[in-house]
Amino acid sequence: MRDPAIARALRAIHADVRAGWTVAGLAGISGMSRSAFSDRFGALIGCAPIEYLARWRMALAKEALARGSKSLDRIAEEIGYESASAFSTAFRKRLGCPPGRFAREAAA
């Protein structure tokens, strides 16, 4: 990444996806104000910081579900959701199917 400030935020997200990241927290890591950080992040990455975090979490979840070796509780915990129920709701909302069905279809 060519922008060191945004790269610091991305490294932080990828290093600890479970953290309760906020725009303010990521902006602090980047050494920027919230608004400047949000504007620059969006311009460079193509989405808002918290949207990026949600997409990254779902990418990790899809990978784990496709492998089929972890429970929903474990996946939820590893990617920063408080419960399997909260994770399932977010997964269904973003991907249009429940995580169990996604896992079954990936295994087939």
PDB file of N, CA and C in Angstrom:
ATOM      1  N   MET A   1       0.846  -1.178   0.000  1.00  0.00           N
ATOM      2  CA  MET A   1       0.000   0.000   0.000  1.00  0.00           C
ATOM      3  C   MET A   1       0.886   1.234   0.000  1.00  0.00           C
ATOM      4  N   ARG A   2       0.583   2.156  -0.825  1.00  0.00           N
ATOM      5  CA  ARG A   2       1.406   3.354  -0.981  1.00  0.00           C
ATOM      6  C   ARG A   2       1.175   4.404   0.086  1.00  0.00           C
ATOM      7  N   ASP A   3       0.039   4.362   0.740  1.00  0.00           N
ATOM      8  CA  ASP A   3      -0.273   5.349   1.762  1.00  0.00           C
ATOM      9  C   ASP A   3       0.050   4.758   3.131  1.00  0.00           C
ATOM     10  N   PRO A   4       1.122   5.229   3.778  1.00  0.00           N
ATOM     11  CA  PRO A   4       1.535   4.623   5.045  1.00  0.00           C
ATOM     12  C   PRO A   4       0.481   4.703   6.150  1.00  0.00           C
ATOM     13  N   ALA A   5      -0.276   5.786   6.192  1.00  0.00           N
ATOM     14  CA  ALA A   5      -1.285   5.936   7.248  1.00  0.00           C
ATOM     15  C   ALA A   5      -2.397   4.899   7.094  1.00  0.00           C
ATOM     16  N   ILE A   6      -2.886   4.732   5.889  1.00  0.00           N
ATOM     17  CA  ILE A   6      -3.942   3.754   5.639  1.00  0.00           C
ATOM     18  C   ILE A   6      -3.384   2.336   5.787  1.00  0.00           C
ATOM     19  N   ALA A   7      -2.160   2.141   5.385  1.00  0.00           N
ATOM     20  CA  ALA A   7      -1.521   0.826   5.536  1.00  0.00           C
ATOM     21  C   ALA A   7      -1.438   0.421   7.002  1.00  0.00           C
ATOM     22  N   ARG A   8      -1.171   1.363   7.886  1.00  0.00           N
ATOM     23  CA  ARG A   8      -1.129   1.042   9.323  1.00  0.00           C
ATOM     24  C   ARG A   8      -2.487   0.549   9.810  1.00  0.00           C
ATOM     25  N   ALA A   9      -3.538   1.200   9.356  1.00  0.00           N
ATOM     26  CA  ALA A   9      -4.888   0.784   9.757  1.00  0.00           C
ATOM     27  C   ALA A   9      -5.215  -0.604   9.206  1.00  0.00           C
ATOM     28  N   LEU A  10      -4.871  -0.843   7.969  1.00  0.00           N
ATOM     29  CA  LEU A  10      -5.136  -2.155   7.373  1.00  0.00           C
ATOM     30  C   LEU A  10      -4.348  -3.256   8.081  1.00  0.00           C
ATOM     31  N   ARG A  11      -3.098  -2.987   8.394  1.00  0.00           N
ATOM     32  CA  ARG A  11      -2.295  -3.973   9.126  1.00  0.00           C
ATOM     33  C   ARG A  11      -2.918  -4.275  10.489  1.00  0.00           C
ATOM     34  N   ALA A  12      -3.417  -3.241  11.149  1.00  0.00           N
ATOM     35  CA  ALA A  12      -4.051  -3.434  12.458  1.00  0.00           C
ATOM     36  C   ALA A  12      -5.303  -4.301  12.332  1.00  0.00           C
ATOM     37  N   ILE A  13      -6.131  -4.034  11.354  1.00  0.00           N
ATOM     38  CA  ILE A  13      -7.340  -4.832  11.138  1.00  0.00           C
ATOM     39  C   ILE A  13      -6.968  -6.285  10.875  1.00  0.00           C
ATOM     40  N   HIS A  14      -6.014  -6.493   9.989  1.00  0.00           N
ATOM     41  CA  HIS A  14      -5.634  -7.852   9.613  1.00  0.00           C
ATOM     42  C   HIS A  14      -4.912  -8.580  10.752  1.00  0.00           C
ATOM     43  N   ALA A  15      -4.224  -7.842  11.593  1.00  0.00           N
ATOM     44  CA  ALA A  15      -3.516  -8.456  12.722  1.00  0.00           C
ATOM     45  C   ALA A  15      -4.472  -8.880  13.833  1.00  0.00           C
ATOM     46  N   ASP A  16      -5.597  -8.179  13.972  1.00  0.00           N
ATOM     47  CA  ASP A  16      -6.538  -8.490  15.054  1.00  0.00           C
ATOM     48  C   ASP A  16      -7.964  -8.208  14.604  1.00  0.00           C
ATOM     49  N   VAL A  17      -8.503  -9.086  13.802  1.00  0.00           N
ATOM     50  CA  VAL A  17      -9.850  -8.904  13.257  1.00  0.00           C
ATOM     51  C   VAL A  17     -10.911  -8.961  14.356  1.00  0.00           C
ATOM     52  N   ARG A  18     -10.564  -9.556  15.488  1.00  0.00           N
ATOM     53  CA  ARG A  18     -11.514  -9.686  16.597  1.00  0.00           C
ATOM     54  C   ARG A  18     -11.726  -8.384  17.361  1.00  0.00           C
ATOM     55  N   ALA A  19     -10.822  -7.467  17.238  1.00  0.00           N
ATOM     56  CA  ALA A  19     -10.893  -6.225  18.019  1.00  0.00           C
ATOM     57  C   ALA A  19     -12.173  -5.457  17.702  1.00  0.00           C
ATOM     58  N   GLY A  20     -12.616  -4.684  18.639  1.00  0.00           N
ATOM     59  CA  GLY A  20     -13.801  -3.848  18.454  1.00  0.00           C
ATOM     60  C   GLY A  20     -13.437  -2.547  17.763  1.00  0.00           C
ATOM     61  N   TRP A  21     -12.983  -2.652  16.537  1.00  0.00           N
ATOM     62  CA  TRP A  21     -12.499  -1.481  15.814  1.00  0.00           C
ATOM     63  C   TRP A  21     -13.581  -0.432  15.629  1.00  0.00           C
ATOM     64  N   THR A  22     -13.164   0.820  15.755  1.00  0.00           N
ATOM     65  CA  THR A  22     -14.015   1.965  15.444  1.00  0.00           C
ATOM     66  C   THR A  22     -13.257   2.848  14.470  1.00  0.00           C
ATOM     67  N   VAL A  23     -13.972   3.721  13.810  1.00  0.00           N
ATOM     68  CA  VAL A  23     -13.303   4.661  12.904  1.00  0.00           C
ATOM     69  C   VAL A  23     -12.331   5.523  13.704  1.00  0.00           C
ATOM     70  N   ALA A  24     -12.743   5.950  14.886  1.00  0.00           N
ATOM     71  CA  ALA A  24     -11.868   6.780  15.720  1.00  0.00           C
ATOM     72  C   ALA A  24     -10.587   6.030  16.086  1.00  0.00           C
ATOM     73  N   GLY A  25     -10.720   4.763  16.447  1.00  0.00           N
ATOM     74  CA  GLY A  25      -9.547   3.970  16.797  1.00  0.00           C
ATOM     75  C   GLY A  25      -8.608   3.772  15.632  1.00  0.00           C
ATOM     76  N   LEU A  26      -9.156   3.468  14.477  1.00  0.00           N
ATOM     77  CA  LEU A  26      -8.333   3.283  13.281  1.00  0.00           C
ATOM     78  C   LEU A  26      -7.704   4.596  12.840  1.00  0.00           C
ATOM     79  N   ALA A  27      -8.446   5.679  12.977  1.00  0.00           N
ATOM     80  CA  ALA A  27      -7.892   6.994  12.641  1.00  0.00           C
ATOM     81  C   ALA A  27      -6.717   7.313  13.557  1.00  0.00           C
ATOM     82  N   GLY A  28      -6.846   6.976  14.836  1.00  0.00           N
ATOM     83  CA  GLY A  28      -5.753   7.199  15.780  1.00  0.00           C
ATOM     84  C   GLY A  28      -4.508   6.418  15.397  1.00  0.00           C
ATOM     85  N   ILE A  29      -4.679   5.169  14.999  1.00  0.00           N
ATOM     86  CA  ILE A  29      -3.550   4.353  14.545  1.00  0.00           C
ATOM     87  C   ILE A  29      -2.884   4.995  13.334  1.00  0.00           C
ATOM     88  N   SER A  30      -3.699   5.615  12.501  1.00  0.00           N
ATOM     89  CA  SER A  30      -3.200   6.249  11.280  1.00  0.00           C
ATOM     90  C   SER A  30      -2.632   7.640  11.519  1.00  0.00           C
ATOM     91  N   GLY A  31      -2.874   8.184  12.716  1.00  0.00           N
ATOM     92  CA  GLY A  31      -2.399   9.532  13.011  1.00  0.00           C
ATOM     93  C   GLY A  31      -3.187  10.608  12.281  1.00  0.00           C
ATOM     94  N   MET A  32      -4.480  10.350  12.093  1.00  0.00           N
ATOM     95  CA  MET A  32      -5.332  11.286  11.353  1.00  0.00           C
ATOM     96  C   MET A  32      -6.610  11.550  12.138  1.00  0.00           C
ATOM     97  N   SER A  33      -7.317  12.600  11.735  1.00  0.00           N
ATOM     98  CA  SER A  33      -8.642  12.838  12.298  1.00  0.00           C
ATOM     99  C   SER A  33      -9.603  11.801  11.722  1.00  0.00           C
ATOM    100  N   ARG A  34     -10.728  11.610  12.387  1.00  0.00           N
ATOM    101  CA  ARG A  34     -11.713  10.637  11.893  1.00  0.00           C
ATOM    102  C   ARG A  34     -12.185  10.971  10.490  1.00  0.00           C
ATOM    103  N   SER A  35     -12.501  12.224  10.260  1.00  0.00           N
ATOM    104  CA  SER A  35     -13.041  12.584   8.941  1.00  0.00           C
ATOM    105  C   SER A  35     -11.984  12.466   7.844  1.00  0.00           C
ATOM    106  N   ALA A  36     -10.773  12.908   8.117  1.00  0.00           N
ATOM    107  CA  ALA A  36      -9.705  12.791   7.119  1.00  0.00           C
ATOM    108  C   ALA A  36      -9.398  11.322   6.837  1.00  0.00           C
ATOM    109  N   PHE A  37      -9.357  10.523   7.896  1.00  0.00           N
ATOM    110  CA  PHE A  37      -9.103   9.094   7.727  1.00  0.00           C
ATOM    111  C   PHE A  37     -10.206   8.440   6.898  1.00  0.00           C
ATOM    112  N   SER A  38     -11.459   8.694   7.255  1.00  0.00           N
ATOM    113  CA  SER A  38     -12.584   8.095   6.519  1.00  0.00           C
ATOM    114  C   SER A  38     -12.558   8.488   5.052  1.00  0.00           C
ATOM    115  N   ASP A  39     -12.297   9.757   4.788  1.00  0.00           N
ATOM    116  CA  ASP A  39     -12.248  10.224   3.400  1.00  0.00           C
ATOM    117  C   ASP A  39     -11.127   9.547   2.623  1.00  0.00           C
ATOM    118  N   ARG A  40      -9.938   9.506   3.206  1.00  0.00           N
ATOM    119  CA  ARG A  40      -8.797   8.918   2.507  1.00  0.00           C
ATOM    120  C   ARG A  40      -8.966   7.409   2.351  1.00  0.00           C
ATOM    121  N   PHE A  41      -9.442   6.748   3.396  1.00  0.00           N
ATOM    122  CA  PHE A  41      -9.662   5.309   3.337  1.00  0.00           C
ATOM    123  C   PHE A  41     -10.644   4.982   2.209  1.00  0.00           C
ATOM    124  N   GLY A  42     -11.759   5.692   2.187  1.00  0.00           N
ATOM    125  CA  GLY A  42     -12.766   5.462   1.152  1.00  0.00           C
ATOM    126  C   GLY A  42     -12.236   5.705  -0.250  1.00  0.00           C
ATOM    127  N   ALA A  43     -11.451   6.758  -0.409  1.00  0.00           N
ATOM    128  CA  ALA A  43     -10.899   7.073  -1.726  1.00  0.00           C
ATOM    129  C   ALA A  43      -9.909   6.002  -2.189  1.00  0.00           C
ATOM    130  N   LEU A  44      -9.114   5.492  -1.272  1.00  0.00           N
ATOM    131  CA  LEU A  44      -8.089   4.510  -1.640  1.00  0.00           C
ATOM    132  C   LEU A  44      -8.597   3.076  -1.705  1.00  0.00           C
ATOM    133  N   ILE A  45      -9.483   2.713  -0.794  1.00  0.00           N
ATOM    134  CA  ILE A  45      -9.924   1.323  -0.672  1.00  0.00           C
ATOM    135  C   ILE A  45     -11.259   1.085  -1.388  1.00  0.00           C
ATOM    136  N   GLY A  46     -12.067   2.109  -1.496  1.00  0.00           N
ATOM    137  CA  GLY A  46     -13.327   1.971  -2.215  1.00  0.00           C
ATOM    138  C   GLY A  46     -14.537   1.698  -1.342  1.00  0.00           C
ATOM    139  N   CYS A  47     -14.344   1.721  -0.036  1.00  0.00           N
ATOM    140  CA  CYS A  47     -15.468   1.566   0.889  1.00  0.00           C
ATOM    141  C   CYS A  47     -15.059   2.173   2.227  1.00  0.00           C
ATOM    142  N   ALA A  48     -16.029   2.321   3.108  1.00  0.00           N
ATOM    143  CA  ALA A  48     -15.764   2.873   4.436  1.00  0.00           C
ATOM    144  C   ALA A  48     -14.954   1.882   5.271  1.00  0.00           C
ATOM    145  N   PRO A  49     -14.209   2.360   6.264  1.00  0.00           N
ATOM    146  CA  PRO A  49     -13.382   1.469   7.081  1.00  0.00           C
ATOM    147  C   PRO A  49     -14.145   0.325   7.755  1.00  0.00           C
ATOM    148  N   ILE A  50     -15.302   0.612   8.314  1.00  0.00           N
ATOM    149  CA  ILE A  50     -16.059  -0.431   9.010  1.00  0.00           C
ATOM    150  C   ILE A  50     -16.677  -1.406   8.009  1.00  0.00           C
ATOM    151  N   GLU A  51     -17.006  -0.931   6.839  1.00  0.00           N
ATOM    152  CA  GLU A  51     -17.475  -1.825   5.766  1.00  0.00           C
ATOM    153  C   GLU A  51     -16.345  -2.762   5.348  1.00  0.00           C
ATOM    154  N   TYR A  52     -15.137  -2.231   5.236  1.00  0.00           N
ATOM    155  CA  TYR A  52     -13.981  -3.070   4.905  1.00  0.00           C
ATOM    156  C   TYR A  52     -13.800  -4.157   5.964  1.00  0.00           C
ATOM    157  N   LEU A  53     -13.887  -3.767   7.214  1.00  0.00           N
ATOM    158  CA  LEU A  53     -13.754  -4.717   8.309  1.00  0.00           C
ATOM    159  C   LEU A  53     -14.812  -5.811   8.199  1.00  0.00           C
ATOM    160  N   ALA A  54     -16.052  -5.449   7.924  1.00  0.00           N
ATOM    161  CA  ALA A  54     -17.131  -6.433   7.802  1.00  0.00           C
ATOM    162  C   ALA A  54     -16.865  -7.378   6.628  1.00  0.00           C
ATOM    163  N   ARG A  55     -16.406  -6.836   5.515  1.00  0.00           N
ATOM    164  CA  ARG A  55     -16.097  -7.676   4.350  1.00  0.00           C
ATOM    165  C   ARG A  55     -14.952  -8.638   4.655  1.00  0.00           C
ATOM    166  N   TRP A  56     -13.930  -8.148   5.359  1.00  0.00           N
ATOM    167  CA  TRP A  56     -12.796  -8.998   5.700  1.00  0.00           C
ATOM    168  C   TRP A  56     -13.237 -10.127   6.640  1.00  0.00           C
ATOM    169  N   ARG A  57     -14.066  -9.780   7.620  1.00  0.00           N
ATOM    170  CA  ARG A  57     -14.576 -10.800   8.537  1.00  0.00           C
ATOM    171  C   ARG A  57     -15.365 -11.861   7.777  1.00  0.00           C
ATOM    172  N   MET A  58     -16.193 -11.447   6.846  1.00  0.00           N
ATOM    173  CA  MET A  58     -16.988 -12.411   6.084  1.00  0.00           C
ATOM    174  C   MET A  58     -16.101 -13.259   5.171  1.00  0.00           C
ATOM    175  N   ALA A  59     -15.056 -12.688   4.624  1.00  0.00           N
ATOM    176  CA  ALA A  59     -14.126 -13.469   3.801  1.00  0.00           C
ATOM    177  C   ALA A  59     -13.464 -14.558   4.647  1.00  0.00           C
ATOM    178  N   LEU A  60     -13.054 -14.197   5.854  1.00  0.00           N
ATOM    179  CA  LEU A  60     -12.455 -15.179   6.756  1.00  0.00           C
ATOM    180  C   LEU A  60     -13.473 -16.250   7.147  1.00  0.00           C
ATOM    181  N   ALA A  61     -14.701 -15.824   7.385  1.00  0.00           N
ATOM    182  CA  ALA A  61     -15.758 -16.773   7.759  1.00  0.00           C
ATOM    183  C   ALA A  61     -16.039 -17.741   6.611  1.00  0.00           C
ATOM    184  N   LYS A  62     -16.135 -17.237   5.411  1.00  0.00           N
ATOM    185  CA  LYS A  62     -16.389 -18.103   4.257  1.00  0.00           C
ATOM    186  C   LYS A  62     -15.280 -19.133   4.101  1.00  0.00           C
ATOM    187  N   GLU A  63     -14.055 -18.711   4.289  1.00  0.00           N
ATOM    188  CA  GLU A  63     -12.922 -19.633   4.193  1.00  0.00           C
ATOM    189  C   GLU A  63     -13.017 -20.727   5.261  1.00  0.00           C
ATOM    190  N   ALA A  64     -13.309 -20.322   6.487  1.00  0.00           N
ATOM    191  CA  ALA A  64     -13.428 -21.291   7.585  1.00  0.00           C
ATOM    192  C   ALA A  64     -14.601 -22.235   7.357  1.00  0.00           C
ATOM    193  N   LEU A  65     -15.723 -21.716   6.898  1.00  0.00           N
ATOM    194  CA  LEU A  65     -16.892 -22.556   6.637  1.00  0.00           C
ATOM    195  C   LEU A  65     -16.614 -23.548   5.508  1.00  0.00           C
ATOM    196  N   ALA A  66     -15.916 -23.115   4.493  1.00  0.00           N
ATOM    197  CA  ALA A  66     -15.602 -23.999   3.367  1.00  0.00           C
ATOM    198  C   ALA A  66     -14.691 -25.140   3.806  1.00  0.00           C
ATOM    199  N   ARG A  67     -13.784 -24.862   4.736  1.00  0.00           N
ATOM    200  CA  ARG A  67     -12.901 -25.904   5.258  1.00  0.00           C
ATOM    201  C   ARG A  67     -13.669 -26.896   6.135  1.00  0.00           C
ATOM    202  N   GLY A  68     -14.712 -26.395   6.807  1.00  0.00           N
ATOM    203  CA  GLY A  68     -15.599 -27.260   7.571  1.00  0.00           C
ATOM    204  C   GLY A  68     -15.049 -27.834   8.855  1.00  0.00           C
ATOM    205  N   SER A  69     -13.993 -27.281   9.382  1.00  0.00           N
ATOM    206  CA  SER A  69     -13.392 -27.882  10.570  1.00  0.00           C
ATOM    207  C   SER A  69     -13.705 -27.151  11.873  1.00  0.00           C
ATOM    208  N   LYS A  70     -14.469 -26.065  11.798  1.00  0.00           N
ATOM    209  CA  LYS A  70     -14.755 -25.281  12.998  1.00  0.00           C
ATOM    210  C   LYS A  70     -16.257 -25.098  13.181  1.00  0.00           C
ATOM    211  N   SER A  71     -16.661 -24.982  14.431  1.00  0.00           N
ATOM    212  CA  SER A  71     -18.068 -24.717  14.737  1.00  0.00           C
ATOM    213  C   SER A  71     -18.389 -23.247  14.474  1.00  0.00           C
ATOM    214  N   LEU A  72     -19.677 -22.960  14.382  1.00  0.00           N
ATOM    215  CA  LEU A  72     -20.093 -21.562  14.205  1.00  0.00           C
ATOM    216  C   LEU A  72     -19.664 -20.717  15.396  1.00  0.00           C
ATOM    217  N   ASP A  73     -19.749 -21.282  16.590  1.00  0.00           N
ATOM    218  CA  ASP A  73     -19.311 -20.542  17.781  1.00  0.00           C
ATOM    219  C   ASP A  73     -17.842 -20.147  17.662  1.00  0.00           C
ATOM    220  N   ARG A  74     -17.031 -21.083  17.249  1.00  0.00           N
ATOM    221  CA  ARG A  74     -15.589 -20.834  17.126  1.00  0.00           C
ATOM    222  C   ARG A  74     -15.298 -19.788  16.041  1.00  0.00           C
ATOM    223  N   ILE A  75     -15.935 -19.916  14.896  1.00  0.00           N
ATOM    224  CA  ILE A  75     -15.738 -18.952  13.809  1.00  0.00           C
ATOM    225  C   ILE A  75     -16.167 -17.565  14.269  1.00  0.00           C
ATOM    226  N   ALA A  76     -17.336 -17.490  14.891  1.00  0.00           N
ATOM    227  CA  ALA A  76     -17.839 -16.203  15.380  1.00  0.00           C
ATOM    228  C   ALA A  76     -16.838 -15.551  16.323  1.00  0.00           C
ATOM    229  N   GLU A  77     -16.324 -16.332  17.252  1.00  0.00           N
ATOM    230  CA  GLU A  77     -15.354 -15.806  18.209  1.00  0.00           C
ATOM    231  C   GLU A  77     -14.076 -15.323  17.506  1.00  0.00           C
ATOM    232  N   GLU A  78     -13.604 -16.103  16.567  1.00  0.00           N
ATOM    233  CA  GLU A  78     -12.349 -15.776  15.888  1.00  0.00           C
ATOM    234  C   GLU A  78     -12.423 -14.520  15.030  1.00  0.00           C
ATOM    235  N   ILE A  79     -13.611 -14.200  14.543  1.00  0.00           N
ATOM    236  CA  ILE A  79     -13.702 -13.017  13.672  1.00  0.00           C
ATOM    237  C   ILE A  79     -14.368 -11.820  14.352  1.00  0.00           C
ATOM    238  N   GLY A  80     -14.630 -11.929  15.646  1.00  0.00           N
ATOM    239  CA  GLY A  80     -15.057 -10.749  16.389  1.00  0.00           C
ATOM    240  C   GLY A  80     -16.534 -10.576  16.652  1.00  0.00           C
ATOM    241  N   TYR A  81     -17.316 -11.648  16.534  1.00  0.00           N
ATOM    242  CA  TYR A  81     -18.738 -11.553  16.867  1.00  0.00           C
ATOM    243  C   TYR A  81     -18.950 -12.063  18.279  1.00  0.00           C
ATOM    244  N   GLU A  82     -19.928 -11.501  18.964  1.00  0.00           N
ATOM    245  CA  GLU A  82     -20.192 -11.858  20.359  1.00  0.00           C
ATOM    246  C   GLU A  82     -20.828 -13.229  20.507  1.00  0.00           C
ATOM    247  N   SER A  83     -21.498 -13.689  19.451  1.00  0.00           N
ATOM    248  CA  SER A  83     -22.169 -14.987  19.534  1.00  0.00           C
ATOM    249  C   SER A  83     -22.318 -15.574  18.138  1.00  0.00           C
ATOM    250  N   ALA A  84     -22.603 -16.872  18.112  1.00  0.00           N
ATOM    251  CA  ALA A  84     -22.877 -17.529  16.837  1.00  0.00           C
ATOM    252  C   ALA A  84     -24.136 -16.952  16.213  1.00  0.00           C
ATOM    253  N   SER A  85     -25.091 -16.580  17.048  1.00  0.00           N
ATOM    254  CA  SER A  85     -26.336 -15.994  16.544  1.00  0.00           C
ATOM    255  C   SER A  85     -26.082 -14.659  15.842  1.00  0.00           C
ATOM    256  N   ALA A  86     -25.289 -13.795  16.467  1.00  0.00           N
ATOM    257  CA  ALA A  86     -24.967 -12.500  15.850  1.00  0.00           C
ATOM    258  C   ALA A  86     -24.201 -12.705  14.547  1.00  0.00           C
ATOM    259  N   PHE A  87     -23.263 -13.657  14.557  1.00  0.00           N
ATOM    260  CA  PHE A  87     -22.518 -13.971  13.347  1.00  0.00           C
ATOM    261  C   PHE A  87     -23.447 -14.495  12.258  1.00  0.00           C
ATOM    262  N   SER A  88     -24.329 -15.436  12.601  1.00  0.00           N
ATOM    263  CA  SER A  88     -25.245 -16.015  11.615  1.00  0.00           C
ATOM    264  C   SER A  88     -26.132 -14.951  10.985  1.00  0.00           C
ATOM    265  N   THR A  89     -26.616 -14.039  11.811  1.00  0.00           N
ATOM    266  CA  THR A  89     -27.467 -12.960  11.306  1.00  0.00           C
ATOM    267  C   THR A  89     -26.693 -12.077  10.337  1.00  0.00           C
ATOM    268  N   ALA A  90     -25.479 -11.696  10.701  1.00  0.00           N
ATOM    269  CA  ALA A  90     -24.654 -10.852   9.827  1.00  0.00           C
ATOM    270  C   ALA A  90     -24.291 -11.584   8.540  1.00  0.00           C
ATOM    271  N   PHE A  91     -23.957 -12.853   8.647  1.00  0.00           N
ATOM    272  CA  PHE A  91     -23.592 -13.645   7.472  1.00  0.00           C
ATOM    273  C   PHE A  91     -24.776 -13.730   6.507  1.00  0.00           C
ATOM    274  N   ARG A  92     -25.940 -14.067   7.037  1.00  0.00           N
ATOM    275  CA  ARG A  92     -27.141 -14.187   6.211  1.00  0.00           C
ATOM    276  C   ARG A  92     -27.482 -12.861   5.541  1.00  0.00           C
ATOM    277  N   LYS A  93     -27.355 -11.783   6.283  1.00  0.00           N
ATOM    278  CA  LYS A  93     -27.669 -10.459   5.746  1.00  0.00           C
ATOM    279  C   LYS A  93     -26.722 -10.093   4.598  1.00  0.00           C
ATOM    280  N   ARG A  94     -25.448 -10.399   4.744  1.00  0.00           N
ATOM    281  CA  ARG A  94     -24.446 -10.032   3.739  1.00  0.00           C
ATOM    282  C   ARG A  94     -24.406 -10.984   2.560  1.00  0.00           C
ATOM    283  N   LEU A  95     -24.581 -12.269   2.815  1.00  0.00           N
ATOM    284  CA  LEU A  95     -24.391 -13.255   1.751  1.00  0.00           C
ATOM    285  C   LEU A  95     -25.676 -13.891   1.249  1.00  0.00           C
ATOM    286  N   GLY A  96     -26.775 -13.624   1.921  1.00  0.00           N
ATOM    287  CA  GLY A  96     -28.059 -14.104   1.428  1.00  0.00           C
ATOM    288  C   GLY A  96     -28.397 -15.542   1.773  1.00  0.00           C
ATOM    289  N   CYS A  97     -27.569 -16.182   2.576  1.00  0.00           N
ATOM    290  CA  CYS A  97     -27.883 -17.543   3.027  1.00  0.00           C
ATOM    291  C   CYS A  97     -27.252 -17.741   4.400  1.00  0.00           C
ATOM    292  N   PRO A  98     -27.797 -18.670   5.172  1.00  0.00           N
ATOM    293  CA  PRO A  98     -27.215 -18.928   6.490  1.00  0.00           C
ATOM    294  C   PRO A  98     -25.848 -19.609   6.359  1.00  0.00           C
ATOM    295  N   PRO A  99     -24.990 -19.435   7.344  1.00  0.00           N
ATOM    296  CA  PRO A  99     -23.665 -20.026   7.255  1.00  0.00           C
ATOM    297  C   PRO A  99     -23.668 -21.545   7.153  1.00  0.00           C
ATOM    298  N   GLY A 100     -24.625 -22.207   7.781  1.00  0.00           N
ATOM    299  CA  GLY A 100     -24.710 -23.664   7.683  1.00  0.00           C
ATOM    300  C   GLY A 100     -24.934 -24.116   6.257  1.00  0.00           C
ATOM    301  N   ARG A 101     -25.836 -23.465   5.568  1.00  0.00           N
ATOM    302  CA  ARG A 101     -26.098 -23.810   4.166  1.00  0.00           C
ATOM    303  C   ARG A 101     -24.879 -23.520   3.296  1.00  0.00           C
ATOM    304  N   PHE A 102     -24.228 -22.381   3.556  1.00  0.00           N
ATOM    305  CA  PHE A 102     -23.006 -22.050   2.820  1.00  0.00           C
ATOM    306  C   PHE A 102     -21.967 -23.162   3.002  1.00  0.00           C
ATOM    307  N   ALA A 103     -21.802 -23.626   4.229  1.00  0.00           N
ATOM    308  CA  ALA A 103     -20.823 -24.679   4.522  1.00  0.00           C
ATOM    309  C   ALA A 103     -21.193 -25.979   3.796  1.00  0.00           C
ATOM    310  N   ARG A 104     -22.472 -26.346   3.831  1.00  0.00           N
ATOM    311  CA  ARG A 104     -22.907 -27.575   3.158  1.00  0.00           C
ATOM    312  C   ARG A 104     -22.680 -27.490   1.649  1.00  0.00           C
ATOM    313  N   GLU A 105     -23.002 -26.346   1.077  1.00  0.00           N
ATOM    314  CA  GLU A 105     -22.830 -26.172  -0.377  1.00  0.00           C
ATOM    315  C   GLU A 105     -21.354 -26.142  -0.756  1.00  0.00           C
ATOM    316  N   ALA A 106     -20.530 -25.565   0.107  1.00  0.00           N
ATOM    317  CA  ALA A 106     -19.095 -25.530  -0.170  1.00  0.00           C
ATOM    318  C   ALA A 106     -18.497 -26.925  -0.098  1.00  0.00           C
ATOM    319  N   ALA A 107     -19.027 -27.754   0.786  1.00  0.00           N
ATOM    320  CA  ALA A 107     -18.520 -29.121   0.947  1.00  0.00           C
ATOM    321  C   ALA A 107     -18.954 -30.029  -0.201  1.00  0.00           C
ATOM    322  N   ALA A 108     -20.063 -29.685  -0.832  1.00  0.00           N
ATOM    323  CA  ALA A 108     -20.608 -30.546  -1.903  1.00  0.00           C
ATOM    324  C   ALA A 108     -19.835 -30.426  -3.207  1.00  0.00           C
TER     325      ALA A 108
END
